[in-house]
Amino acid sequence: MKNFVHLIFTFFISTIAFWGALATRKDPWPCYAIAFGVWAIFLWRYQARSKRAAMKRQFEEYQFREYMRWRAYRERS
């Protein structure tokens, strides 16, 4: 859900920046920089969020394996 909200904000900001680039006749490059920069930031943060989620999932799997190992050890004793 958080990614969807970030995606909508990215669409909104980049659309406005692209429209600004179309309206600017002298120097549209700052608007292009803003539009593509917003997408770069979105992709960078998306990658960080997905990496963090994968690390959390991996840690929870590790905890579950350790718990099951402890339970098996306790049942044998």
Protein backbone atom coordinates (compact mmCIF):
# COMPACT_ATOMS: atom_id res chain seq x y z
CA MET A 1 0.00 0.00 0.00
CA LYS A 2 2.85 2.34 0.85
CA ASN A 3 4.44 1.69 -2.55
CA PHE A 4 1.17 2.54 -4.28
CA VAL A 5 0.94 5.89 -2.48
CA HIS A 6 4.54 6.70 -3.37
CA LEU A 7 3.84 5.72 -6.99
CA ILE A 8 0.83 8.05 -7.18
CA PHE A 9 2.87 10.97 -5.77
CA THR A 10 5.64 10.20 -8.25
CA PHE A 11 3.18 10.20 -11.14
CA PHE A 12 1.70 13.48 -9.96
CA ILE A 13 5.01 15.30 -9.52
CA SER A 14 6.56 14.00 -12.74
CA THR A 15 3.44 14.82 -14.78
CA ILE A 16 3.48 18.40 -13.54
CA ALA A 17 7.21 18.65 -14.25
CA PHE A 18 6.77 17.30 -17.78
CA TRP A 19 3.95 19.76 -18.42
CA GLY A 20 6.23 22.50 -17.15
CA ALA A 21 8.92 21.35 -19.56
CA LEU A 22 6.44 21.53 -22.43
CA ALA A 23 5.37 25.04 -21.42
CA THR A 24 8.92 26.34 -21.01
CA ARG A 25 10.33 27.41 -24.36
CA LYS A 26 13.75 28.69 -23.30
CA ASP A 27 15.15 26.04 -20.98
CA PRO A 28 13.06 22.90 -20.32
CA TRP A 29 15.98 20.91 -18.85
CA PRO A 30 15.41 21.79 -15.15
CA CYS A 31 11.85 20.46 -15.44
CA TYR A 32 13.12 17.30 -17.12
CA ALA A 33 15.69 16.92 -14.35
CA ILE A 34 12.95 17.18 -11.73
CA ALA A 35 10.72 14.68 -13.52
CA PHE A 36 13.41 12.06 -14.03
CA GLY A 37 14.93 12.77 -10.62
CA VAL A 38 11.63 11.98 -8.92
CA TRP A 39 11.52 8.65 -10.75
CA ALA A 40 15.12 7.90 -9.77
CA ILE A 41 14.33 8.62 -6.11
CA PHE A 42 11.20 6.46 -6.30
CA LEU A 43 13.10 3.50 -7.75
CA TRP A 44 15.94 3.91 -5.25
CA ARG A 45 13.55 3.99 -2.27
CA TYR A 46 11.49 1.09 -3.68
CA GLN A 47 14.64 -1.01 -3.89
CA ALA A 48 15.57 -0.11 -0.31
CA ARG A 49 12.07 -0.96 0.97
CA SER A 50 12.02 -4.31 -0.82
CA LYS A 51 15.50 -5.17 0.46
CA ARG A 52 14.42 -4.31 4.01
CA ALA A 53 11.29 -6.47 3.66
CA ALA A 54 13.36 -9.39 2.37
CA MET A 55 15.77 -9.09 5.28
CA LYS A 56 12.86 -9.04 7.74
CA ARG A 57 11.30 -12.11 6.11
CA GLN A 58 14.63 -13.93 6.19
CA PHE A 59 15.11 -13.11 9.88
CA GLU A 60 11.60 -14.33 10.73
CA GLU A 61 12.27 -17.60 8.88
CA TYR A 62 15.50 -17.97 10.83
CA GLN A 63 13.67 -17.40 14.11
CA PHE A 64 11.05 -19.99 13.15
CA ARG A 65 13.72 -22.57 12.30
CA GLU A 66 15.47 -21.93 15.60
CA TYR A 67 12.19 -22.28 17.49
CA MET A 68 11.40 -25.58 15.77
CA ARG A 69 14.92 -26.83 16.49
CA TRP A 70 14.50 -25.89 20.16
CA ARG A 71 11.09 -27.63 20.29
CA ALA A 72 12.51 -30.80 18.76
CA TYR A 73 15.38 -30.77 21.22
CA ARG A 74 12.99 -30.26 24.16
CA GLU A 75 10.73 -33.12 23.04
CA ARG A 76 13.71 -35.53 22.79
CA SER A 77 14.85 -34.74 26.33
